[in-house]
N, C-alpha and C. Protein backbone atom coordinates (compact mmCIF):
# COMPACT_ATOMS: atom_id res chain seq x y z
N MET A 1 90.35 102.20 -81.84
CA MET A 1 89.12 101.42 -81.97
C MET A 1 88.41 101.48 -80.66
N SER A 2 86.89 101.62 -80.68
CA SER A 2 86.19 101.71 -79.51
C SER A 2 85.39 100.35 -79.39
N PHE A 3 85.06 100.15 -78.19
CA PHE A 3 84.30 99.02 -77.79
C PHE A 3 83.14 99.35 -76.98
N TYR A 4 81.86 98.79 -77.24
CA TYR A 4 80.71 99.19 -76.55
C TYR A 4 80.15 97.93 -75.77
N VAL A 5 79.70 98.27 -74.46
CA VAL A 5 78.95 97.28 -73.76
C VAL A 5 77.45 97.83 -73.83
N TYR A 6 76.57 96.99 -74.19
CA TYR A 6 75.24 97.54 -74.32
C TYR A 6 74.13 96.55 -73.72
N MET A 7 73.01 97.06 -73.50
CA MET A 7 71.95 96.32 -73.01
C MET A 7 70.63 96.61 -73.76
N LEU A 8 69.98 95.46 -74.08
CA LEU A 8 68.83 95.54 -75.00
C LEU A 8 67.58 95.12 -74.11
N LEU A 9 66.50 95.71 -74.51
CA LEU A 9 65.16 95.35 -73.98
C LEU A 9 64.25 94.83 -74.97
N SER A 10 63.58 93.72 -74.73
CA SER A 10 62.73 93.22 -75.84
C SER A 10 61.43 94.12 -75.85
N THR A 11 60.83 94.35 -77.07
CA THR A 11 59.70 95.18 -77.18
C THR A 11 58.54 94.34 -77.26
N THR A 12 58.60 93.00 -77.01
CA THR A 12 57.41 92.26 -76.94
C THR A 12 56.63 92.42 -75.74
N LYS A 13 55.32 92.69 -75.91
CA LYS A 13 54.43 92.96 -74.73
C LYS A 13 54.12 92.01 -73.69
N HIS A 14 54.17 90.81 -74.11
CA HIS A 14 53.77 89.70 -73.14
C HIS A 14 54.98 89.21 -72.30
N LYS A 15 56.15 89.43 -72.88
CA LYS A 15 57.36 88.96 -72.03
C LYS A 15 58.58 89.89 -72.21
N LYS A 16 58.88 90.55 -71.13
CA LYS A 16 60.06 91.33 -71.13
C LYS A 16 61.36 90.65 -70.82
N LYS A 17 62.36 90.86 -71.65
CA LYS A 17 63.52 90.19 -71.60
C LYS A 17 64.60 91.23 -71.81
N THR A 18 65.94 91.03 -71.20
CA THR A 18 66.97 91.86 -71.40
C THR A 18 68.12 91.07 -71.98
N TYR A 19 69.00 91.66 -72.81
CA TYR A 19 70.19 91.00 -73.25
C TYR A 19 71.43 91.95 -73.02
N VAL A 20 72.60 91.46 -72.74
CA VAL A 20 73.71 92.10 -72.60
C VAL A 20 74.73 91.69 -73.49
N GLY A 21 75.47 92.58 -74.19
CA GLY A 21 76.63 92.15 -75.04
C GLY A 21 77.76 93.21 -75.21
N TYR A 22 78.58 92.88 -76.08
CA TYR A 22 79.57 93.98 -76.45
C TYR A 22 79.91 93.97 -77.94
N THR A 23 80.21 95.04 -78.51
CA THR A 23 80.48 95.10 -79.92
C THR A 23 81.32 96.26 -80.26
N ILE A 24 81.76 96.36 -81.48
CA ILE A 24 82.46 97.57 -81.96
C ILE A 24 81.47 98.47 -82.80
N ASP A 25 80.38 97.87 -83.26
CA ASP A 25 79.48 98.66 -84.10
C ASP A 25 78.02 98.35 -83.51
N LEU A 26 77.51 99.31 -82.77
CA LEU A 26 76.22 99.28 -82.13
C LEU A 26 75.13 99.12 -83.21
N LYS A 27 75.10 99.96 -84.19
CA LYS A 27 73.96 99.89 -85.27
C LYS A 27 73.89 98.57 -85.91
N LYS A 28 75.01 98.08 -86.31
CA LYS A 28 75.14 96.79 -87.10
C LYS A 28 74.68 95.67 -86.10
N ARG A 29 75.03 95.67 -84.83
CA ARG A 29 74.65 94.67 -83.83
C ARG A 29 73.26 94.54 -83.65
N LEU A 30 72.63 95.73 -83.37
CA LEU A 30 71.28 95.82 -82.91
C LEU A 30 70.44 95.45 -84.30
N LYS A 31 70.91 95.78 -85.35
CA LYS A 31 70.16 95.28 -86.70
C LYS A 31 70.28 93.81 -86.83
N ALA A 32 71.36 93.18 -86.40
CA ALA A 32 71.58 91.76 -86.43
C ALA A 32 70.59 91.12 -85.48
N HIS A 33 70.56 91.57 -84.16
CA HIS A 33 69.63 91.00 -83.28
C HIS A 33 68.19 91.11 -83.83
N ASN A 34 67.78 92.12 -84.28
CA ASN A 34 66.34 92.44 -84.86
C ASN A 34 66.02 91.57 -86.09
N GLU A 35 67.07 91.16 -86.76
CA GLU A 35 66.90 90.31 -87.98
C GLU A 35 67.15 88.76 -87.65
N ASN A 36 67.08 88.45 -86.23
CA ASN A 36 67.36 87.14 -85.94
C ASN A 36 68.73 86.59 -86.40
N LYS A 37 69.69 87.31 -86.47
CA LYS A 37 71.05 86.93 -86.78
C LYS A 37 71.99 87.09 -85.69
N GLY A 38 71.52 87.51 -84.58
CA GLY A 38 72.27 87.90 -83.25
C GLY A 38 72.52 86.65 -82.64
N ALA A 39 72.63 86.79 -81.24
CA ALA A 39 72.96 85.65 -80.32
C ALA A 39 71.69 84.70 -80.34
N LYS A 40 71.77 83.41 -80.05
CA LYS A 40 70.68 82.50 -80.08
C LYS A 40 69.63 82.83 -79.20
N SER A 41 69.80 83.47 -77.96
CA SER A 41 68.81 83.89 -77.01
C SER A 41 68.03 85.13 -77.40
N THR A 42 68.49 85.76 -78.54
CA THR A 42 67.85 86.96 -78.90
C THR A 42 66.78 86.73 -80.00
N LYS A 43 66.84 85.48 -80.63
CA LYS A 43 66.12 85.24 -81.83
C LYS A 43 64.50 85.21 -81.51
N GLY A 44 63.82 85.74 -82.33
CA GLY A 44 62.34 85.75 -82.08
C GLY A 44 61.80 86.94 -81.33
N TYR A 45 62.57 87.85 -80.95
CA TYR A 45 62.33 89.07 -80.30
C TYR A 45 62.67 90.37 -81.08
N ASN A 46 62.03 91.46 -80.89
CA ASN A 46 62.34 92.61 -81.26
C ASN A 46 63.18 93.38 -80.12
N TRP A 47 64.14 94.15 -80.44
CA TRP A 47 64.91 94.78 -79.44
C TRP A 47 65.08 96.25 -79.53
N LYS A 48 65.12 96.81 -78.41
CA LYS A 48 65.44 98.25 -78.25
C LYS A 48 66.65 98.51 -77.37
N LEU A 49 67.62 99.41 -77.91
CA LEU A 49 68.83 99.77 -77.12
C LEU A 49 68.47 100.48 -75.95
N ILE A 50 68.79 100.16 -74.67
CA ILE A 50 68.35 100.97 -73.41
C ILE A 50 69.72 101.45 -72.81
N TYR A 51 70.90 100.93 -73.08
CA TYR A 51 72.07 101.23 -72.21
C TYR A 51 73.22 100.91 -73.18
N LYS A 52 74.27 101.84 -73.16
CA LYS A 52 75.48 101.67 -73.90
C LYS A 52 76.61 102.44 -73.07
N LYS A 53 77.81 101.89 -73.15
CA LYS A 53 78.94 102.46 -72.58
C LYS A 53 80.15 102.19 -73.39
N LYS A 54 80.89 103.25 -73.73
CA LYS A 54 81.99 103.12 -74.62
C LYS A 54 83.38 102.91 -73.88
N TYR A 55 84.16 102.06 -74.32
CA TYR A 55 85.47 101.64 -73.72
C TYR A 55 86.56 101.72 -74.82
N ILE A 56 87.73 102.08 -74.42
CA ILE A 56 88.87 101.99 -75.41
C ILE A 56 89.52 100.75 -75.33
N LYS A 57 89.56 100.00 -74.34
CA LYS A 57 90.20 98.63 -74.19
C LYS A 57 89.23 97.52 -74.24
N LYS A 58 89.46 96.47 -75.21
CA LYS A 58 88.56 95.38 -75.33
C LYS A 58 88.41 94.68 -73.95
N SER A 59 89.53 94.48 -73.31
CA SER A 59 89.52 93.62 -72.08
C SER A 59 88.69 94.37 -70.97
N VAL A 60 88.66 95.64 -70.98
CA VAL A 60 87.86 96.41 -69.92
C VAL A 60 86.40 96.28 -70.38
N ALA A 61 86.04 96.39 -71.65
CA ALA A 61 84.69 96.16 -72.04
C ALA A 61 84.17 94.81 -71.76
N MET A 62 84.97 93.72 -72.06
CA MET A 62 84.57 92.46 -71.79
C MET A 62 84.38 92.08 -70.31
N LYS A 63 85.30 92.65 -69.39
CA LYS A 63 85.06 92.64 -67.93
C LYS A 63 83.68 93.18 -67.56
N ASN A 64 83.41 94.49 -68.05
CA ASN A 64 82.24 95.08 -67.74
C ASN A 64 80.92 94.46 -68.35
N GLU A 65 81.19 93.78 -69.43
CA GLU A 65 79.94 92.99 -69.95
C GLU A 65 79.62 91.84 -69.09
N TYR A 66 80.82 91.19 -68.63
CA TYR A 66 80.48 90.06 -67.81
C TYR A 66 79.88 90.46 -66.48
N ARG A 67 80.35 91.67 -65.92
CA ARG A 67 79.69 92.04 -64.67
C ARG A 67 78.28 92.48 -64.76
N LEU A 68 77.99 93.13 -65.90
CA LEU A 68 76.52 93.42 -66.16
C LEU A 68 75.56 92.20 -66.43
N LYS A 69 76.13 91.27 -67.20
CA LYS A 69 75.36 90.13 -67.48
C LYS A 69 75.00 89.29 -66.26
N ASN A 70 75.91 89.34 -65.19
CA ASN A 70 75.64 88.54 -63.91
C ASN A 70 75.30 89.36 -62.82
N ASN A 71 74.74 90.56 -62.99
CA ASN A 71 74.21 91.38 -61.98
C ASN A 71 72.82 91.76 -62.32
N ARG A 72 71.84 90.85 -61.85
CA ARG A 72 70.48 91.09 -62.05
C ARG A 72 69.95 92.38 -61.51
N LYS A 73 70.47 92.84 -60.27
CA LYS A 73 70.06 94.03 -59.76
C LYS A 73 70.36 95.32 -60.50
N LEU A 74 71.56 95.26 -61.07
CA LEU A 74 71.94 96.42 -61.92
C LEU A 74 71.10 96.40 -63.22
N ARG A 75 70.96 95.27 -63.75
CA ARG A 75 70.01 95.21 -64.96
C ARG A 75 68.70 95.61 -64.73
N LYS A 76 68.27 95.36 -63.67
CA LYS A 76 66.72 95.87 -63.21
C LYS A 76 66.76 97.44 -63.15
N LEU A 77 67.90 97.93 -62.41
CA LEU A 77 68.06 99.35 -62.14
C LEU A 77 68.09 100.09 -63.47
N ILE A 78 68.81 99.62 -64.45
CA ILE A 78 68.91 100.09 -65.71
C ILE A 78 67.65 100.17 -66.60
N THR A 79 66.93 99.09 -66.45
CA THR A 79 65.59 98.95 -67.10
C THR A 79 64.52 99.77 -66.46
N ASP A 80 64.59 100.00 -65.02
CA ASP A 80 63.53 100.72 -64.40
C ASP A 80 63.78 102.19 -64.72
N LYS A 81 65.17 102.65 -64.93
CA LYS A 81 65.47 104.07 -65.25
C LYS A 81 65.01 104.31 -66.57
N PHE A 82 65.26 103.40 -67.46
CA PHE A 82 64.75 103.55 -68.95
C PHE A 82 63.24 103.72 -68.98
N ASN A 83 62.56 102.81 -68.21
CA ASN A 83 61.02 102.90 -68.33
C ASN A 83 60.53 104.22 -67.61
N GLU A 84 61.24 104.67 -66.52
CA GLU A 84 60.72 105.88 -65.95
C GLU A 84 60.93 107.07 -66.94
N LYS A 85 62.12 107.05 -67.54
CA LYS A 85 62.41 108.17 -68.61
C LYS A 85 61.47 108.05 -69.78
N ASN A 86 60.97 107.06 -70.22
CA ASN A 86 60.13 106.82 -71.47
C ASN A 86 58.57 106.57 -71.05
N SER A 87 58.22 106.85 -69.96
CA SER A 87 56.82 106.68 -69.67
C SER A 87 55.97 108.08 -69.56
């Protein structure tokens, strides 16, 4: 089984927001977030997947999810790279 750490960017024009999580099914999880069935902090926004990384071990995925959630500089770097690539 594979585990994914992912980062989402809100597509709302007036407020940019990011969200980090982990899952075994990226498509299903993104759909849940966009249907307001995801995490409480993601409700009311539309989301775009901007980062994903695959892991074999759940424990490693969870450690890296925690690291990314708590590292604002890394989140900004990922967001900036995504915006450069898509501008």
